[in-house]
Amino acid sequence: MKLNLFDYNLPEKYIAQKPLLHRDKSKLLILDRKSGAIKHDIFLNLPGYVNSKDILVVNESKVAKCRLFGKKEETGAKIECFVLNKVKDNQYLALLKPSKRLKISSRVFLEDYCFVVKSKLDYGKAIIEFNAPLDIIFEKFGKIPLPPYIKNNDIDESRYQTIYAKENGSAASPTAGLHFTKNLISRLKAKGIKFAKVRLDIGLDTFRPIIEEEIKDHKMHSEYYSISKLEAEKINNAKKNGGRVIAVGTTSTRVLETVVSKNGIITEDSGLTDLYVYPGYKFKIVDCMITNFHIPKSTLLIMVSTFAGRENILNAYSEAKRNSYRFYSFGDCMMVV
């Protein structure tokens, strides 16, 4: 399929530049993927759309303070560094801006700390090595990396974390979970609804646009995932008892579908996934999906279009614009049933 089939027009006014005061007051669009029918509500009323036997699967990965600002040793030029994941010892895969100013063996300083460029890769990426443990450097200099389309830097960093975030490792937030509050989770549990946690460490490649004309030619990035035996059993029991598996976000979806594709069932597992979901893929475990509104021509938009049908999704996005929904990370939400 051609990439332009997953394009849509989105004026900047629809891109949410800051979170709502109350997380659970975001708008909620309910999309029936069989009929294409649409209903409008607010996220606070989510318990009315979930059954007592259902299970909500959330991604507990936490956004690390992986954005660093330093100066090149020789010239003092400002360098921005996004640490993506560990390679070995104190060596990490990172995205450097502007990478063209750096060569192999270049050193970038953050006061008394520094990193050296060990090798350069494509798309501005490089392998770098720090002269001190990274957790110390993050604690002293690290910033939460907000998405590039967020122009407002005066945002409480806690609002870019889910309230259940636990495991440091992501360079971007699993944004479908940003709508949950402690009160809303308590109301859902009081109704008998179960929660299961998985982990998928989101890389900055999640914002990298597809450049191939044919979507099947795109190479998906790999991300670390894990699911424990206890959480796997919760999901299997819910499914066995007739409940729906409701993935909170595309990241939880990737974990669930990866594990089932690999093992045939949901089981304890961890590793790297480069699962790329595009039309033709048959979902194996996810029954419903809670997700935000995604960037045109992105792997995320292609995934939800595969789940709900391309025409249904594009129609839902048009309906959302007509009803002044807010798009992207700090935006509103949809539930595909």
Protein backbone atom coordinates (compact mmCIF):
# COMPACT_ATOMS: atom_id res chain seq x y z
CA MET A 1 0.00 0.00 0.00
CA LYS A 2 1.10 3.54 -0.73
CA LEU A 3 2.13 5.75 2.18
CA ASN A 4 -0.02 8.65 0.98
CA LEU A 5 -3.11 6.58 1.81
CA PHE A 6 -2.28 7.26 5.47
CA ASP A 7 -1.98 11.02 5.14
CA TYR A 8 -4.41 13.65 6.40
CA ASN A 9 -4.41 17.41 6.82
CA LEU A 10 -3.91 18.74 10.33
CA PRO A 11 -3.62 22.51 10.87
CA GLU A 12 -1.32 23.42 13.77
CA LYS A 13 -4.23 24.73 15.83
CA TYR A 14 -5.26 21.12 16.54
CA ILE A 15 -1.90 20.11 18.02
CA ALA A 16 -2.15 20.25 21.81
CA GLN A 17 0.72 22.33 23.20
CA LYS A 18 0.06 21.60 26.86
CA PRO A 19 -1.86 19.08 28.95
CA LEU A 20 -5.33 19.75 30.31
CA LEU A 21 -5.56 20.80 33.95
CA HIS A 22 -7.35 17.52 34.73
CA ARG A 23 -6.02 14.42 32.96
CA ASP A 24 -9.34 12.57 32.81
CA LYS A 25 -11.32 15.50 31.38
CA SER A 26 -9.96 14.88 27.89
CA LYS A 27 -12.43 14.13 25.12
CA LEU A 28 -13.05 10.48 24.29
CA LEU A 29 -14.16 9.33 20.85
CA ILE A 30 -15.64 5.82 20.80
CA LEU A 31 -15.19 4.10 17.43
CA ASP A 32 -16.93 0.83 16.57
CA ARG A 33 -14.50 -0.79 14.15
CA LYS A 34 -17.14 -3.11 12.69
CA SER A 35 -19.80 -0.54 11.86
CA GLY A 36 -17.69 2.64 11.81
CA ALA A 37 -20.16 4.25 14.24
CA ILE A 38 -18.80 7.09 16.37
CA LYS A 39 -19.81 8.41 19.77
CA HIS A 40 -18.39 11.35 21.73
CA ASP A 41 -17.77 11.45 25.48
CA ILE A 42 -15.05 12.34 28.00
CA PHE A 43 -12.39 10.02 29.41
CA LEU A 44 -13.81 10.34 32.90
CA ASN A 45 -16.72 8.18 31.70
CA LEU A 46 -14.49 5.30 30.51
CA PRO A 47 -16.01 2.86 33.10
CA GLY A 48 -19.24 2.98 31.09
CA TYR A 49 -17.48 1.41 28.10
CA VAL A 50 -15.59 -1.34 29.91
CA ASN A 51 -17.08 -4.58 31.23
CA SER A 52 -16.35 -6.22 34.57
CA LYS A 53 -14.54 -9.16 32.95
CA ASP A 54 -12.28 -6.96 30.82
CA ILE A 55 -8.62 -6.26 31.46
CA LEU A 56 -6.75 -3.03 30.68
CA VAL A 57 -3.12 -3.55 29.71
CA VAL A 58 -0.89 -0.53 30.39
CA ASN A 59 2.75 0.25 29.62
CA GLU A 60 4.57 1.12 32.85
CA SER A 61 7.74 2.34 31.14
CA LYS A 62 8.86 5.71 32.48
CA VAL A 63 10.30 8.54 30.41
CA ALA A 64 13.96 8.96 31.37
CA LYS A 65 15.63 12.36 31.67
CA CYS A 66 17.57 11.43 28.58
CA ARG A 67 17.87 14.85 26.94
CA LEU A 68 21.26 16.46 27.57
CA PHE A 69 22.83 19.75 26.48
CA GLY A 70 26.61 20.05 26.27
CA LYS A 71 29.40 21.88 24.48
CA LYS A 72 31.90 20.55 21.97
CA GLU A 73 35.40 20.55 23.42
CA GLU A 74 37.26 22.37 20.64
CA THR A 75 34.75 25.05 19.66
CA GLY A 76 32.22 25.32 22.46
CA ALA A 77 29.44 24.63 19.96
CA LYS A 78 26.17 23.64 21.62
CA ILE A 79 25.29 19.97 21.20
CA GLU A 80 21.96 18.35 22.05
CA CYS A 81 22.06 14.65 22.94
CA PHE A 82 19.17 12.20 23.27
CA VAL A 83 20.32 8.97 24.92
CA LEU A 84 18.31 6.12 23.41
CA ASN A 85 19.56 2.87 24.94
CA LYS A 86 22.57 1.13 26.44
CA VAL A 87 25.01 -0.75 24.23
CA LYS A 88 27.55 -1.92 26.81
CA ASP A 89 29.27 -0.60 29.94
CA ASN A 90 29.14 3.22 29.67
CA GLN A 91 28.45 3.17 25.92
CA TYR A 92 25.03 4.22 24.61
CA LEU A 93 23.18 4.71 21.37
CA ALA A 94 22.28 8.39 21.10
CA LEU A 95 20.80 10.95 18.74
CA LEU A 96 23.04 14.00 18.38
CA LYS A 97 22.05 17.45 17.10
CA PRO A 98 23.71 18.81 15.05
CA SER A 99 25.57 15.58 14.39
CA LYS A 100 27.52 17.06 11.47
CA ARG A 101 29.59 19.10 13.94
CA LEU A 102 30.90 15.93 15.57
CA LYS A 103 33.44 13.42 14.36
CA ILE A 104 34.65 10.13 15.78
CA SER A 105 36.62 10.88 18.98
CA SER A 106 34.95 14.30 19.44
CA ARG A 107 34.29 15.10 23.09
CA VAL A 108 31.23 16.94 24.45
CA PHE A 109 31.34 18.38 27.96
CA LEU A 110 28.64 18.89 30.58
CA GLU A 111 30.65 20.81 33.15
CA ASP A 112 33.13 18.23 34.57
CA TYR A 113 31.44 15.29 32.83
CA CYS A 114 31.75 14.39 29.16
CA PHE A 115 31.05 11.85 26.47
CA VAL A 116 33.14 10.86 23.48
CA VAL A 117 31.81 9.87 20.06
CA LYS A 118 32.90 6.26 19.39
CA SER A 119 31.16 5.78 16.04
CA LYS A 120 28.63 7.57 13.84
CA LEU A 121 25.48 6.00 12.37
CA ASP A 122 22.64 7.15 10.12
CA TYR A 123 19.85 9.61 10.97
CA GLY A 124 22.14 11.58 13.31
CA LYS A 125 22.71 8.62 15.61
CA ALA A 126 26.00 7.66 17.19
CA ILE A 127 27.55 5.38 19.78
CA ILE A 128 28.88 7.52 22.63
CA GLU A 129 30.75 6.72 25.82
CA PHE A 130 30.38 8.64 29.10
CA ASN A 131 33.13 9.19 31.64
CA ALA A 132 30.76 8.59 34.56
CA PRO A 133 27.67 6.47 35.34
CA LEU A 134 24.75 7.72 33.29
CA ASP A 135 22.29 7.84 36.19
CA ILE A 136 24.52 10.46 37.86
CA ILE A 137 24.62 12.54 34.67
CA PHE A 138 20.85 12.24 34.11
CA GLU A 139 20.15 13.28 37.69
CA LYS A 140 22.29 16.40 37.40
CA PHE A 141 21.76 17.50 33.78
CA GLY A 142 18.95 15.44 32.25
CA LYS A 143 15.69 16.84 30.89
CA ILE A 144 12.52 15.03 29.88
CA PRO A 145 12.48 14.98 26.04
CA LEU A 146 9.20 16.50 24.92
CA PRO A 147 8.09 15.71 21.34
CA PRO A 148 9.44 18.03 18.61
CA TYR A 149 5.99 19.41 17.85
CA ILE A 150 5.59 20.73 21.41
CA LYS A 151 6.77 24.34 21.26
CA ASN A 152 5.93 25.10 24.89
CA ASN A 153 8.90 24.15 27.09
CA ASP A 154 7.32 25.52 30.29
CA ILE A 155 5.53 22.27 31.18
CA ASP A 156 5.61 20.33 34.43
CA GLU A 157 7.65 17.25 33.46
CA SER A 158 5.42 15.01 35.60
CA ARG A 159 2.56 15.66 33.16
CA TYR A 160 4.52 13.79 30.47
CA GLN A 161 4.54 10.69 32.70
CA THR A 162 1.68 8.30 33.34
CA ILE A 163 0.69 8.09 37.01
CA TYR A 164 1.69 4.40 37.06
CA ALA A 165 5.08 4.87 35.33
CA LYS A 166 7.68 2.74 37.09
CA GLU A 167 10.57 1.51 34.96
CA ASN A 168 12.94 4.16 33.53
CA GLY A 169 13.77 3.50 29.90
CA SER A 170 11.62 5.45 27.44
CA ALA A 171 12.55 8.50 25.38
CA ALA A 172 8.86 9.28 24.80
CA SER A 173 5.72 8.80 26.85
CA PRO A 174 3.11 6.08 26.24
CA THR A 175 0.61 8.89 25.82
CA ALA A 176 -2.66 6.92 25.81
CA GLY A 177 -2.03 6.34 29.50
CA LEU A 178 -1.71 10.04 30.32
CA HIS A 179 -5.50 10.29 30.69
CA PHE A 180 -5.70 7.99 33.72
CA THR A 181 -5.97 9.33 37.28
CA LYS A 182 -5.84 7.45 40.59
CA ASN A 183 -9.54 8.13 41.09
CA LEU A 184 -10.48 6.80 37.66
CA ILE A 185 -8.39 3.65 38.16
CA SER A 186 -10.10 3.10 41.54
CA ARG A 187 -13.53 3.42 39.91
CA LEU A 188 -12.58 0.91 37.21
CA LYS A 189 -11.24 -1.58 39.76
CA ALA A 190 -14.38 -1.15 41.89
CA LYS A 191 -16.34 -2.31 38.87
CA GLY A 192 -14.25 -5.50 38.78
CA ILE A 193 -12.05 -4.47 35.87
CA LYS A 194 -8.50 -5.83 36.05
CA PHE A 195 -5.24 -4.11 35.16
CA ALA A 196 -2.07 -5.73 33.81
CA LYS A 197 1.28 -4.05 33.30
CA VAL A 198 3.79 -4.58 30.53
CA ARG A 199 6.90 -2.63 29.62
CA LEU A 200 7.97 -1.25 26.28
CA ASP A 201 10.79 1.31 26.22
CA ILE A 202 9.82 3.82 23.55
CA GLY A 203 12.62 5.24 21.39
CA LEU A 204 12.74 8.57 19.60
CA ASP A 205 12.31 6.67 16.33
CA THR A 206 8.62 6.69 17.19
CA PHE A 207 8.63 10.25 15.78
CA ARG A 208 10.66 9.36 12.68
CA PRO A 209 8.43 9.67 9.61
CA ILE A 210 8.22 6.91 7.05
CA ILE A 211 10.06 7.97 3.91
CA GLU A 212 9.42 4.91 1.74
CA GLU A 213 6.63 5.22 -0.81
CA GLU A 214 5.49 1.65 -0.13
CA ILE A 215 4.72 1.15 3.56
CA LYS A 216 5.93 -2.46 3.52
CA ASP A 217 9.45 -1.23 2.71
CA HIS A 218 9.79 0.66 6.00
CA LYS A 219 12.22 -0.85 8.53
CA MET A 220 10.83 -0.76 12.06
CA HIS A 221 13.09 0.19 14.95
CA SER A 222 13.63 -2.29 17.79
CA GLU A 223 12.48 -1.56 21.33
CA TYR A 224 12.97 -3.45 24.58
CA TYR A 225 9.86 -5.10 26.05
CA SER A 226 9.03 -7.31 29.00
CA ILE A 227 6.07 -8.96 30.67
CA SER A 228 6.17 -10.91 33.93
CA LYS A 229 4.61 -14.29 34.63
CA LEU A 230 2.06 -12.74 36.99
CA GLU A 231 0.89 -10.15 34.48
CA ALA A 232 0.72 -12.75 31.71
CA GLU A 233 -1.50 -14.93 33.90
CA LYS A 234 -3.84 -12.01 34.57
CA ILE A 235 -4.32 -11.47 30.83
CA ASN A 236 -4.81 -15.16 30.08
CA ASN A 237 -7.35 -15.53 32.90
CA ALA A 238 -9.33 -12.51 31.69
CA LYS A 239 -9.42 -13.90 28.16
CA LYS A 240 -10.38 -17.36 29.44
CA ASN A 241 -13.28 -15.87 31.44
CA GLY A 242 -14.71 -14.08 28.42
CA GLY A 243 -13.21 -10.65 29.04
CA ARG A 244 -11.75 -8.36 26.42
CA VAL A 245 -8.06 -7.51 26.30
CA ILE A 246 -7.98 -3.72 26.03
CA ALA A 247 -4.55 -2.39 25.12
CA VAL A 248 -3.87 1.10 26.47
CA GLY A 249 -1.83 2.51 23.63
CA THR A 250 0.04 1.25 20.59
CA THR A 251 3.03 0.36 22.80
CA SER A 252 1.06 -2.09 24.94
CA THR A 253 -0.36 -3.46 21.71
CA ARG A 254 3.14 -4.10 20.35
CA VAL A 255 4.12 -6.04 23.46
CA LEU A 256 1.00 -8.20 23.48
CA GLU A 257 1.09 -8.98 19.77
CA THR A 258 4.85 -9.60 19.86
CA VAL A 259 4.57 -12.13 22.67
CA VAL A 260 1.65 -14.01 21.11
CA SER A 261 3.29 -14.01 17.67
CA LYS A 262 6.47 -15.42 19.21
CA ASN A 263 5.06 -17.89 21.75
CA GLY A 264 1.50 -18.62 20.60
CA ILE A 265 0.12 -17.41 23.95
CA ILE A 266 0.73 -14.62 26.43
CA THR A 267 3.57 -15.77 28.67
CA GLU A 268 6.47 -14.35 30.64
CA ASP A 269 8.89 -12.89 28.11
CA SER A 270 11.37 -10.11 27.37
CA GLY A 271 13.61 -9.02 24.53
CA LEU A 272 13.63 -6.69 21.56
CA THR A 273 10.69 -6.24 19.23
CA ASP A 274 10.66 -4.76 15.75
CA LEU A 275 7.05 -5.79 15.10
CA TYR A 276 5.61 -3.59 12.35
CA VAL A 277 1.84 -3.74 12.07
CA TYR A 278 0.42 -2.71 8.70
CA PRO A 279 -2.62 -3.81 6.64
CA GLY A 280 -2.65 -7.56 6.20
CA TYR A 281 -1.59 -8.19 9.80
CA LYS A 282 -4.09 -10.24 11.81
CA PHE A 283 -4.39 -9.24 15.47
CA LYS A 284 -4.02 -12.25 17.75
CA ILE A 285 -4.85 -11.06 21.27
CA VAL A 286 -5.93 -7.39 21.40
CA ASP A 287 -9.70 -6.89 21.33
CA CYS A 288 -9.92 -3.14 21.94
CA MET A 289 -7.47 -0.26 21.88
CA ILE A 290 -7.29 3.07 23.70
CA THR A 291 -5.09 5.47 21.77
CA ASN A 292 -4.41 9.13 21.06
CA PHE A 293 -4.59 10.79 17.63
CA HIS A 294 -1.39 10.17 15.68
CA ILE A 295 0.91 11.92 13.23
CA PRO A 296 0.12 11.57 9.49
CA LYS A 297 2.12 8.88 7.66
CA SER A 298 3.38 7.40 10.94
CA THR A 299 3.74 3.74 11.93
CA LEU A 300 1.31 4.47 14.79
CA LEU A 301 -1.41 5.73 12.45
CA ILE A 302 -0.82 2.71 10.21
CA MET A 303 -1.18 0.37 13.22
CA VAL A 304 -4.51 1.79 14.37
CA SER A 305 -5.72 1.86 10.76
CA THR A 306 -4.87 -1.85 10.51
CA PHE A 307 -6.82 -2.51 13.70
CA ALA A 308 -9.92 -0.44 12.92
CA GLY A 309 -9.83 -0.05 9.15
CA ARG A 310 -8.18 2.82 7.29
CA GLU A 311 -11.42 4.49 6.19
CA ASN A 312 -12.89 4.21 9.71
CA ILE A 313 -9.82 5.85 11.24
CA LEU A 314 -9.56 8.66 8.71
CA ASN A 315 -13.28 9.32 9.10
CA ALA A 316 -12.88 9.35 12.90
CA TYR A 317 -10.00 11.81 12.60
CA SER A 318 -12.11 14.10 10.42
CA GLU A 319 -14.95 13.85 12.93
CA ALA A 320 -12.50 14.67 15.73
CA LYS A 321 -11.38 17.82 13.93
CA ARG A 322 -14.98 18.88 13.38
CA ASN A 323 -15.49 18.53 17.13
CA SER A 324 -12.32 20.44 18.07
CA TYR A 325 -10.42 17.48 19.50
CA ARG A 326 -6.80 18.07 20.50
CA PHE A 327 -4.24 15.89 18.70
CA TYR A 328 -0.95 14.14 19.55
CA SER A 329 0.77 13.58 22.91
CA PHE A 330 -1.13 16.05 25.12
CA GLY A 331 -4.28 15.69 23.07
CA ASP A 332 -7.55 13.85 23.40
CA CYS A 333 -8.24 10.15 23.09
CA MET A 334 -10.16 7.48 21.23
CA MET A 335 -11.27 3.99 22.14
CA VAL A 336 -11.61 1.49 19.31
CA VAL A 337 -14.04 -1.31 20.20
